[in-house]
Amino acid sequence: MMRFIVLACLFFAGPALAQDNRQTVSEIEADLDRDGDAEIYTLLDYGLEGVDLSVETAKGFQTAERVAWSGGMPGQRPELSVSPAGSVLLTSMNDSVGRDRWRLALTIAHRDGDWRVAGITYDWWDTLDPDAAGTCDVNLLTGRGTVEVAGTRREVEAPWPAPRLWDWRDEHFDATEVCGELG
């Protein structure tokens, strides 16, 4: 009988003893839903598994899973900030490894009763070829954007409307789908 109790305790204690491998990377406050109470936005980094964004409101928590890429080293860690317009910016990047560098900023806004990925800004550059660089900025709320490469600017249309934040996954972003030809 004692053996059964010990085995049962070990079985049920296993999950409690397991370590949570996520790390809080960034946290900010902003009142995107304009209810007078700032929400708390927290990035939870799982290393190479991706990053979750938790939004805490007066009504509780909601988490958008795997919304951004993380390389797990300096220059590859995602970050949160507040834009001059008051939206939340979730920026992932490769600023440190290899010659092909990039930054991807998701603009998060509260529209139509929910949090949405309202815009995408993608910058890319080659550390060995200064002419191989560009920027793409697409407003998913209006459906319009611009791409600038080597001093030439062109208009683009958004491939889809602003998705709910909870439906967005990092793998949804394809630079050529959103921005068209990059070079």
Protein backbone atom coordinates (compact mmCIF):
# COMPACT_ATOMS: atom_id res chain seq x y z
CA MET A 1 0.00 0.00 0.00
CA MET A 2 2.81 2.40 0.91
CA ARG A 3 4.44 1.74 -2.47
CA PHE A 4 1.19 2.71 -4.23
CA ILE A 5 0.96 5.99 -2.29
CA VAL A 6 4.57 6.90 -3.05
CA LEU A 7 4.14 6.08 -6.76
CA ALA A 8 0.90 8.07 -6.92
CA CYS A 9 2.57 11.08 -5.28
CA LEU A 10 5.49 10.93 -7.71
CA PHE A 11 3.14 10.58 -10.69
CA PHE A 12 1.03 13.59 -9.76
CA ALA A 13 3.97 15.68 -8.57
CA GLY A 14 5.81 15.30 -11.91
CA PRO A 15 4.01 18.12 -13.71
CA ALA A 16 4.31 20.35 -10.67
CA LEU A 17 8.04 19.74 -10.51
CA ALA A 18 8.57 20.37 -14.23
CA GLN A 19 10.18 23.70 -14.89
CA ASP A 20 8.39 26.31 -16.96
CA ASN A 21 10.81 27.10 -19.79
CA ARG A 22 9.35 30.50 -20.65
CA GLN A 23 10.97 33.79 -19.76
CA THR A 24 9.37 37.23 -19.57
CA VAL A 25 11.24 39.28 -22.16
CA SER A 26 9.30 42.51 -22.26
CA GLU A 27 6.29 44.08 -20.58
CA ILE A 28 4.46 47.34 -21.24
CA GLU A 29 1.16 49.01 -20.41
CA ALA A 30 -1.21 50.65 -22.90
CA ASP A 31 -4.94 51.32 -23.03
CA LEU A 32 -5.71 50.12 -26.56
CA ASP A 33 -9.38 49.36 -25.86
CA ARG A 34 -9.80 52.87 -24.41
CA ASP A 35 -11.76 51.74 -21.37
CA GLY A 36 -9.68 53.91 -19.02
CA ASP A 37 -7.69 50.96 -17.61
CA ALA A 38 -4.35 50.17 -19.20
CA GLU A 39 -3.84 46.58 -20.29
CA ILE A 40 -0.56 44.83 -19.46
CA TYR A 41 1.18 43.31 -22.48
CA THR A 42 3.79 40.65 -21.66
CA LEU A 43 6.09 38.78 -24.06
CA LEU A 44 6.85 35.24 -22.94
CA ASP A 45 9.86 33.77 -24.72
CA TYR A 46 10.16 29.99 -25.14
CA GLY A 47 13.56 30.28 -26.78
CA LEU A 48 13.66 28.65 -30.19
CA GLU A 49 10.01 27.59 -29.81
CA GLY A 50 8.72 31.13 -30.30
CA VAL A 51 7.16 33.90 -28.28
CA ASP A 52 3.67 34.29 -26.80
CA LEU A 53 2.01 37.63 -26.08
CA SER A 54 -0.19 37.78 -22.99
CA VAL A 55 -2.72 40.59 -22.62
CA GLU A 56 -4.05 41.24 -19.12
CA THR A 57 -7.21 43.30 -18.88
CA ALA A 58 -9.60 44.03 -16.02
CA LYS A 59 -11.58 41.01 -17.28
CA GLY A 60 -8.65 38.56 -17.20
CA PHE A 61 -5.86 37.16 -19.36
CA GLN A 62 -5.77 36.22 -23.00
CA THR A 63 -2.71 34.84 -24.77
CA ALA A 64 -1.72 34.91 -28.42
CA GLU A 65 0.54 31.92 -28.94
CA ARG A 66 3.69 31.88 -31.06
CA VAL A 67 3.18 35.41 -32.40
CA ALA A 68 6.86 36.23 -32.93
CA TRP A 69 10.19 34.62 -33.70
CA SER A 70 13.06 34.54 -31.23
CA GLY A 71 16.59 33.43 -32.00
CA GLY A 72 17.40 33.26 -28.30
CA MET A 73 20.52 35.46 -28.37
CA PRO A 74 21.27 39.19 -28.31
CA GLY A 75 20.07 40.91 -31.46
CA GLN A 76 17.43 38.23 -31.95
CA ARG A 77 15.14 38.86 -28.98
CA PRO A 78 11.69 40.30 -29.60
CA GLU A 79 10.56 43.45 -27.82
CA LEU A 80 7.46 45.49 -27.07
CA SER A 81 7.05 49.25 -27.33
CA VAL A 82 4.31 51.83 -27.71
CA SER A 83 4.14 53.75 -30.98
CA PRO A 84 3.73 57.55 -31.06
CA ALA A 85 0.09 56.92 -32.08
CA GLY A 86 -0.45 54.79 -28.96
CA SER A 87 -0.53 51.33 -30.59
CA VAL A 88 1.55 48.44 -29.28
CA LEU A 89 4.52 47.42 -31.45
CA LEU A 90 5.79 43.84 -31.28
CA THR A 91 9.18 43.73 -32.98
CA SER A 92 11.13 40.59 -33.83
CA MET A 93 14.50 40.75 -35.50
CA ASN A 94 17.79 39.33 -36.61
CA ASP A 95 20.19 42.21 -35.96
CA SER A 96 23.19 40.06 -35.08
CA VAL A 97 23.79 36.87 -37.07
CA GLY A 98 24.72 36.43 -40.73
CA ARG A 99 24.77 39.01 -43.46
CA ASP A 100 21.00 39.03 -44.09
CA ARG A 101 19.43 41.13 -41.34
CA TRP A 102 15.79 42.07 -40.81
CA ARG A 103 13.24 43.61 -38.44
CA LEU A 104 9.54 42.80 -38.39
CA ALA A 105 7.20 45.06 -36.42
CA LEU A 106 3.56 44.13 -35.89
CA THR A 107 1.32 47.06 -35.02
CA ILE A 108 -1.33 45.90 -32.57
CA ALA A 109 -4.52 47.92 -32.19
CA HIS A 110 -8.00 47.39 -30.73
CA ARG A 111 -10.61 47.53 -33.50
CA ASP A 112 -14.06 46.04 -33.97
CA GLY A 113 -14.15 44.86 -30.36
CA ASP A 114 -10.90 42.86 -30.43
CA TRP A 115 -7.13 43.15 -30.60
CA ARG A 116 -5.83 42.97 -34.16
CA VAL A 117 -2.59 42.93 -36.10
CA ALA A 118 -3.34 46.27 -37.72
CA GLY A 119 -0.06 46.76 -39.57
CA ILE A 120 3.18 45.13 -40.63
CA THR A 121 6.51 46.89 -41.13
CA TYR A 122 9.36 44.80 -42.50
CA ASP A 123 12.90 46.13 -42.99
CA TRP A 124 15.72 44.10 -44.51
CA TRP A 125 19.37 44.73 -45.35
CA ASP A 126 22.55 42.95 -46.32
CA THR A 127 25.53 43.88 -44.15
CA LEU A 128 27.94 43.37 -47.08
CA ASP A 129 25.86 45.06 -49.80
CA PRO A 130 24.43 48.45 -48.76
CA ASP A 131 22.29 48.57 -51.93
CA ALA A 132 20.46 45.36 -50.96
CA ALA A 133 18.02 46.87 -48.49
CA GLY A 134 14.43 47.92 -48.31
CA THR A 135 11.36 48.58 -46.25
CA CYS A 136 7.77 47.44 -46.52
CA ASP A 137 4.97 49.08 -44.54
CA VAL A 138 1.42 47.71 -44.88
CA ASN A 139 -1.66 48.99 -43.06
CA LEU A 140 -3.97 45.98 -42.76
CA LEU A 141 -6.86 48.20 -41.64
CA THR A 142 -6.87 50.26 -44.86
CA GLY A 143 -5.51 47.51 -47.09
CA ARG A 144 -2.77 49.74 -48.50
CA GLY A 145 0.98 49.90 -48.12
CA THR A 146 4.29 50.88 -49.65
CA VAL A 147 7.53 49.13 -50.48
CA GLU A 148 10.77 51.02 -50.97
CA VAL A 149 13.82 49.32 -52.49
CA ALA A 150 16.94 51.10 -53.78
CA GLY A 151 15.21 54.48 -53.76
CA THR A 152 12.21 53.24 -55.75
CA ARG A 153 8.85 53.39 -54.03
CA ARG A 154 5.75 51.45 -55.06
CA GLU A 155 2.27 50.93 -53.69
CA VAL A 156 1.04 47.49 -52.57
CA GLU A 157 -2.27 46.08 -51.44
CA ALA A 158 -2.61 44.06 -48.25
CA PRO A 159 -3.09 40.35 -49.02
CA TRP A 160 -5.70 40.01 -46.26
CA PRO A 161 -7.57 42.15 -43.73
CA ALA A 162 -6.32 42.76 -40.18
CA PRO A 163 -6.47 39.39 -38.38
CA ARG A 164 -7.38 39.02 -34.73
CA LEU A 165 -4.22 38.96 -32.62
CA TRP A 166 -5.25 35.56 -31.21
CA ASP A 167 -5.30 34.06 -34.72
CA TRP A 168 -1.85 35.37 -35.77
CA ARG A 169 1.16 33.05 -35.78
CA ASP A 170 4.74 33.95 -36.64
CA GLU A 171 4.73 31.52 -39.54
CA HIS A 172 1.84 33.48 -41.14
CA PHE A 173 4.29 36.19 -42.22
CA ASP A 174 5.74 35.69 -45.69
CA ALA A 175 7.56 38.82 -46.85
CA THR A 176 6.88 38.20 -50.54
CA GLU A 177 3.16 37.58 -49.93
CA VAL A 178 2.77 40.82 -47.97
CA CYS A 179 5.28 43.04 -49.79
CA GLY A 180 5.66 41.47 -53.22
CA GLU A 181 9.09 41.20 -54.84
CA LEU A 182 11.76 42.42 -52.40
CA GLY A 183 14.67 43.04 -54.69
